[in-house]
Amino acid sequence: MTAALGRLRDRHLGAILLLPSAVLFLGLLAFPLGYGIYTSFFELHLLERTGPFVGLRNYVWLLTNGEFWSALWLSVVWAGGTVGLQIALGTAVALLLHQRFAGRTLARGLVLFPYMMPIVAVVLVWMLLYNALYGVVNYLLLKAGLVSQPIAWLSQPGSALWSVILVGVWKYFPFVVVVVLARLQVIPQELYEVARIDGAGAWARFVEITLPQIKDVLLVVALLRTIWMFNNFEVVFLLTGGGPLRGTMTLPILVYEQAFALYEVGKGSAIAVVMFVLLVGVMTLYFRLFSSEQ
């Protein structure tokens, strides 16, 4: 009897160990997601517990609303710009930190500084740097003769989005550095030695050896950073609040505005559900392309 109970316990040990994680998953992800989908079919006010069922009316409103399509486009530009520049800058810095030089350990520690800074501190620093009257950015550009007068970086629709993108790149590129640097350290050095013997230069070694070795890592980083940046709320909201003239109104800020400023929880939930579907589509496409290359 004891042996039978022991075998039964061993057989279900994996399920028992996974149970706390499953409960946490259901509580923190599955339930909020399901409730968000549920509320998207109702005309629900933030201060009211119930509202009339409206079916797909919130989705029809969303798809016929020009502001939604504008926010979607701005979200694509925001996510694409930040992720592309993060990968380019992070890979370049990782390649530099992979080389042997005095103070390399200190440099590897300092490069994590932006990623560890609280987002509020980052925003305050960059708002001072961008300031039109006494900001360092305008000072340097004026001294270099690149501009004739100070630029209100965060107050003009043409410059605000790219100014915010630069902050997002600076804040999050260390993540790419850490991941790529970890991959660089396990590439067999014999490959580079053979390439040098064959007369390959630095660029040829990068294209023929380094890039193929880190390609899979870069693809995973691109997927993760795209998901995170597409859903990012705090950087854009704290810097511009979606302005000026709604020039940085991304989808997460539009969700916040509908749900917590206009109290239209149903419409806000519908936007959030569409964001979720779009990201699932991106992930599905990624995994299909990734699996076809294996």
Protein backbone atom coordinates (compact mmCIF):
# COMPACT_ATOMS: atom_id res chain seq x y z
CA MET A 1 0.00 0.00 0.00
CA THR A 2 2.82 2.38 0.91
CA ALA A 3 4.68 1.54 -2.30
CA ALA A 4 1.54 2.19 -4.37
CA LEU A 5 1.03 5.59 -2.69
CA GLY A 6 4.68 6.40 -3.32
CA ARG A 7 4.38 5.59 -7.02
CA LEU A 8 1.18 7.66 -7.28
CA ARG A 9 2.88 10.58 -5.57
CA ASP A 10 5.88 10.37 -7.90
CA ARG A 11 3.63 10.17 -10.94
CA HIS A 12 1.83 13.39 -9.96
CA LEU A 13 4.85 15.19 -8.53
CA GLY A 14 5.32 17.30 -11.66
CA ALA A 15 1.69 18.44 -11.61
CA ILE A 16 1.92 19.27 -7.91
CA LEU A 17 5.06 21.34 -8.41
CA LEU A 18 3.47 23.21 -11.34
CA LEU A 19 0.24 23.93 -9.47
CA PRO A 20 1.42 27.19 -7.77
CA SER A 21 2.65 28.55 -11.11
CA ALA A 22 -0.63 27.57 -12.79
CA VAL A 23 -2.65 29.34 -10.10
CA LEU A 24 -0.45 32.43 -10.45
CA PHE A 25 -0.84 32.34 -14.23
CA LEU A 26 -4.63 32.10 -13.99
CA GLY A 27 -4.78 34.90 -11.44
CA LEU A 28 -2.43 37.36 -13.10
CA LEU A 29 -2.97 36.67 -16.81
CA ALA A 30 -5.89 34.47 -17.73
CA PHE A 31 -8.50 36.17 -15.53
CA PRO A 32 -7.62 39.79 -16.48
CA LEU A 33 -7.49 38.80 -20.15
CA GLY A 34 -10.83 37.04 -19.99
CA TYR A 35 -12.42 39.89 -18.07
CA GLY A 36 -11.07 42.41 -20.58
CA ILE A 37 -12.58 40.46 -23.47
CA TYR A 38 -15.86 40.19 -21.55
CA THR A 39 -16.12 43.93 -20.81
CA SER A 40 -15.36 44.80 -24.45
CA PHE A 41 -18.86 43.58 -25.35
CA PHE A 42 -20.56 45.97 -22.92
CA GLU A 43 -21.17 49.68 -22.76
CA LEU A 44 -19.56 49.88 -19.35
CA HIS A 45 -18.86 53.07 -17.42
CA LEU A 46 -15.89 53.15 -15.06
CA LEU A 47 -18.03 54.22 -12.11
CA GLU A 48 -20.75 51.64 -12.78
CA ARG A 49 -20.52 47.93 -12.07
CA THR A 50 -22.83 46.86 -14.90
CA GLY A 51 -23.84 48.12 -18.31
CA PRO A 52 -25.90 47.05 -21.32
CA PHE A 53 -24.62 44.36 -23.65
CA VAL A 54 -23.75 45.94 -27.02
CA GLY A 55 -22.16 43.01 -28.85
CA LEU A 56 -19.60 44.14 -31.42
CA ARG A 57 -20.57 47.81 -31.28
CA ASN A 58 -17.34 48.80 -29.50
CA TYR A 59 -15.30 47.03 -32.17
CA VAL A 60 -17.28 48.69 -34.98
CA TRP A 61 -16.65 52.06 -33.33
CA LEU A 62 -12.98 51.23 -33.02
CA LEU A 63 -12.48 50.12 -36.63
CA THR A 64 -14.34 53.17 -38.00
CA ASN A 65 -12.54 55.62 -35.74
CA GLY A 66 -9.71 57.47 -37.47
CA GLU A 67 -8.02 58.14 -34.14
CA PHE A 68 -7.58 54.41 -33.57
CA TRP A 69 -5.82 53.97 -36.92
CA SER A 70 -3.63 57.00 -36.22
CA ALA A 71 -2.70 55.57 -32.81
CA LEU A 72 -1.99 52.19 -34.40
CA TRP A 73 0.35 53.77 -36.93
CA LEU A 74 2.12 55.78 -34.21
CA SER A 75 2.47 52.60 -32.13
CA VAL A 76 4.05 50.80 -35.09
CA VAL A 77 6.47 53.68 -35.65
CA TRP A 78 7.25 53.89 -31.92
CA ALA A 79 7.82 50.14 -31.53
CA GLY A 80 9.65 49.72 -34.84
CA GLY A 81 11.88 52.75 -34.29
CA THR A 82 12.83 51.92 -30.73
CA VAL A 83 13.37 48.20 -31.36
CA GLY A 84 15.40 48.74 -34.53
CA LEU A 85 17.67 51.32 -32.90
CA GLN A 86 17.95 49.29 -29.69
CA ILE A 87 19.16 46.27 -31.64
CA ALA A 88 21.59 48.30 -33.76
CA LEU A 89 23.04 50.24 -30.80
CA GLY A 90 22.97 47.28 -28.42
CA THR A 91 24.75 44.99 -30.89
CA ALA A 92 27.41 47.62 -31.60
CA VAL A 93 28.03 48.20 -27.89
CA ALA A 94 28.11 44.45 -27.21
CA LEU A 95 30.73 43.96 -29.94
CA LEU A 96 32.79 46.76 -28.40
CA LEU A 97 32.52 45.38 -24.87
CA HIS A 98 33.50 41.94 -26.14
CA GLN A 99 36.94 43.27 -27.04
CA ARG A 100 39.81 43.31 -24.56
CA PHE A 101 40.66 46.77 -23.21
CA ALA A 102 41.51 48.41 -19.90
CA GLY A 103 38.43 49.03 -17.79
CA ARG A 104 36.25 46.58 -19.69
CA THR A 105 34.64 45.22 -16.50
CA LEU A 106 33.74 48.73 -15.33
CA ALA A 107 32.34 49.60 -18.75
CA ARG A 108 30.18 46.47 -18.74
CA GLY A 109 28.74 47.53 -15.41
CA LEU A 110 28.13 51.14 -16.41
CA VAL A 111 26.28 50.20 -19.60
CA LEU A 112 23.49 48.79 -17.42
CA PHE A 113 22.96 52.17 -15.75
CA PRO A 114 20.11 53.39 -18.02
CA TYR A 115 18.23 50.09 -17.67
CA MET A 116 18.41 50.19 -13.87
CA MET A 117 17.33 53.83 -13.52
CA PRO A 118 13.71 54.42 -12.41
CA ILE A 119 11.60 55.53 -15.35
CA VAL A 120 10.54 58.73 -13.55
CA ALA A 121 14.18 59.73 -13.08
CA VAL A 122 14.90 58.97 -16.75
CA VAL A 123 11.99 61.13 -17.88
CA LEU A 124 13.00 64.05 -15.65
CA VAL A 125 16.60 63.94 -16.90
CA TRP A 126 15.56 63.87 -20.55
CA MET A 127 13.01 66.62 -20.09
CA LEU A 128 15.85 68.80 -18.81
CA LEU A 129 18.08 67.77 -21.70
CA TYR A 130 15.33 68.61 -24.21
CA ASN A 131 14.41 71.93 -22.60
CA ALA A 132 14.20 74.68 -25.22
CA LEU A 133 15.73 77.39 -22.97
CA TYR A 134 18.53 75.69 -21.04
CA GLY A 135 18.65 72.11 -22.35
CA VAL A 136 22.01 70.56 -23.18
CA VAL A 137 20.76 69.17 -26.51
CA ASN A 138 19.90 72.62 -27.88
CA TYR A 139 23.09 74.08 -26.43
CA LEU A 140 25.29 71.56 -28.22
CA LEU A 141 23.40 71.92 -31.50
CA LEU A 142 23.64 75.71 -31.37
CA LYS A 143 27.35 75.58 -30.57
CA ALA A 144 27.93 73.20 -33.46
CA GLY A 145 25.97 75.46 -35.80
CA LEU A 146 23.53 72.69 -36.72
CA VAL A 147 20.49 74.78 -35.76
CA SER A 148 19.93 78.53 -35.76
CA GLN A 149 17.51 78.64 -32.84
CA PRO A 150 16.45 76.37 -29.96
CA ILE A 151 14.00 73.59 -30.77
CA ALA A 152 11.05 72.70 -28.55
CA TRP A 153 11.65 68.98 -28.94
CA LEU A 154 8.66 67.73 -26.94
CA SER A 155 6.24 70.50 -27.95
CA GLN A 156 6.15 70.03 -31.72
CA PRO A 157 4.38 67.11 -33.45
CA GLY A 158 7.21 66.70 -35.95
CA SER A 159 9.95 66.23 -33.33
CA ALA A 160 8.10 64.89 -30.29
CA LEU A 161 7.71 61.29 -31.50
CA TRP A 162 11.36 60.91 -32.50
CA SER A 163 12.47 62.59 -29.28
CA VAL A 164 10.46 60.05 -27.32
CA ILE A 165 11.87 57.21 -29.44
CA LEU A 166 15.41 58.34 -28.55
CA VAL A 167 14.57 58.16 -24.85
CA GLY A 168 13.14 54.66 -25.29
CA VAL A 169 16.28 53.55 -27.10
CA TRP A 170 18.58 54.98 -24.42
CA LYS A 171 16.55 53.44 -21.60
CA TYR A 172 16.24 49.90 -22.95
CA PHE A 173 19.22 49.21 -25.23
CA PRO A 174 21.27 47.67 -22.34
CA PHE A 175 18.94 44.65 -22.46
CA VAL A 176 20.14 43.95 -26.00
CA VAL A 177 23.75 44.48 -24.93
CA VAL A 178 23.51 41.86 -22.16
CA VAL A 179 21.84 39.23 -24.34
CA VAL A 180 24.10 39.69 -27.36
CA LEU A 181 27.24 39.87 -25.23
CA ALA A 182 26.33 36.58 -23.55
CA ARG A 183 26.02 34.95 -26.99
CA LEU A 184 29.29 36.44 -28.23
CA GLN A 185 31.19 34.88 -25.35
CA VAL A 186 30.30 31.32 -26.37
CA ILE A 187 31.22 31.61 -30.05
CA PRO A 188 34.22 29.28 -30.67
CA GLN A 189 37.34 31.40 -31.12
CA GLU A 190 38.72 28.82 -33.53
CA LEU A 191 36.34 30.15 -36.17
CA TYR A 192 37.94 33.60 -35.99
CA GLU A 193 41.46 32.16 -36.00
CA VAL A 194 40.76 30.18 -39.17
CA ALA A 195 39.21 33.27 -40.76
CA ARG A 196 42.28 35.37 -39.95
CA ILE A 197 44.53 32.72 -41.47
CA ASP A 198 42.40 32.85 -44.62
CA GLY A 199 42.92 36.61 -44.73
CA ALA A 200 39.41 37.69 -43.71
CA GLY A 201 39.16 41.25 -42.42
CA ALA A 202 37.13 42.54 -39.50
CA TRP A 203 34.02 43.19 -41.60
CA ALA A 204 34.22 39.79 -43.30
CA ARG A 205 34.57 38.05 -39.93
CA PHE A 206 31.52 39.90 -38.65
CA VAL A 207 29.37 39.06 -41.68
CA GLU A 208 30.50 35.46 -42.12
CA ILE A 209 30.94 34.38 -38.48
CA THR A 210 29.54 36.76 -35.87
CA LEU A 211 26.25 37.67 -37.53
CA PRO A 212 25.17 34.07 -38.31
CA GLN A 213 26.07 33.06 -34.75
CA ILE A 214 24.00 35.81 -33.11
CA LYS A 215 21.14 35.83 -35.64
CA ASP A 216 18.83 33.59 -33.61
CA VAL A 217 19.44 35.66 -30.49
CA LEU A 218 18.68 38.87 -32.36
CA LEU A 219 15.42 37.41 -33.65
CA VAL A 220 14.31 36.47 -30.14
CA VAL A 221 15.34 39.89 -28.82
CA ALA A 222 13.44 41.58 -31.65
CA LEU A 223 10.27 39.66 -30.76
CA LEU A 224 10.52 40.35 -27.02
CA ARG A 225 11.39 44.02 -27.45
CA THR A 226 8.59 44.49 -30.01
CA ILE A 227 6.02 43.10 -27.58
CA TRP A 228 7.33 45.20 -24.69
CA MET A 229 7.67 48.43 -26.62
CA PHE A 230 4.32 48.09 -28.41
CA ASN A 231 2.71 47.79 -24.97
CA ASN A 232 4.94 50.42 -23.36
CA PHE A 233 2.94 53.15 -21.67
CA GLU A 234 5.09 55.01 -19.19
CA VAL A 235 7.80 56.51 -21.41
CA VAL A 236 5.47 58.24 -23.87
CA PHE A 237 2.86 59.14 -21.27
CA LEU A 238 5.31 60.74 -18.84
CA LEU A 239 7.15 62.67 -21.56
CA THR A 240 4.26 63.94 -23.68
CA GLY A 241 0.99 62.46 -22.42
CA GLY A 242 0.11 61.65 -26.03
CA GLY A 243 0.63 65.20 -27.29
CA PRO A 244 1.38 67.62 -28.71
CA LEU A 245 -1.75 67.66 -30.87
CA ARG A 246 -1.96 63.89 -30.25
CA GLY A 247 1.28 63.46 -32.17
CA THR A 248 2.44 60.72 -29.79
CA MET A 249 -0.95 59.15 -29.01
CA THR A 250 -0.04 55.46 -29.07
CA LEU A 251 -2.53 52.66 -28.45
CA PRO A 252 -1.70 52.12 -24.74
CA ILE A 253 -2.31 55.82 -24.07
CA LEU A 254 -5.54 55.67 -26.08
CA VAL A 255 -6.69 52.76 -23.92
CA TYR A 256 -5.89 54.78 -20.80
CA GLU A 257 -7.72 57.82 -22.15
CA GLN A 258 -10.86 55.88 -23.04
CA ALA A 259 -11.01 53.88 -19.81
CA PHE A 260 -9.79 56.34 -17.18
CA ALA A 261 -10.25 59.81 -18.67
CA LEU A 262 -13.52 59.34 -20.58
CA TYR A 263 -14.67 56.44 -18.32
CA GLU A 264 -15.56 54.31 -21.38
CA VAL A 265 -14.27 50.98 -20.09
CA GLY A 266 -15.92 48.95 -22.85
CA LYS A 267 -14.24 50.91 -25.61
CA GLY A 268 -10.91 50.86 -23.79
CA SER A 269 -11.18 47.09 -23.39
CA ALA A 270 -11.95 46.69 -27.09
CA ILE A 271 -8.77 48.58 -28.01
CA ALA A 272 -6.76 46.44 -25.58
CA VAL A 273 -8.20 43.23 -27.06
CA VAL A 274 -7.27 44.34 -30.58
CA MET A 275 -3.73 45.08 -29.36
CA PHE A 276 -3.57 41.57 -27.91
CA VAL A 277 -4.77 40.01 -31.18
CA LEU A 278 -2.21 42.01 -33.18
CA LEU A 279 0.63 40.86 -30.93
CA VAL A 280 -0.54 37.24 -31.09
CA GLY A 281 -0.48 37.56 -34.88
CA VAL A 282 3.06 38.92 -34.79
CA MET A 283 4.16 36.08 -32.50
CA THR A 284 2.52 33.46 -34.73
CA LEU A 285 4.21 34.87 -37.83
CA TYR A 286 7.54 34.96 -36.01
CA PHE A 287 7.35 31.36 -34.86
CA ARG A 288 6.37 30.16 -38.33
CA LEU A 289 9.28 31.99 -39.94
CA PHE A 290 11.65 30.83 -37.21
CA SER A 291 10.58 27.20 -37.45
CA SER A 292 10.90 27.23 -41.27
CA GLU A 293 14.55 28.28 -40.95
CA GLN A 294 15.48 25.45 -38.61
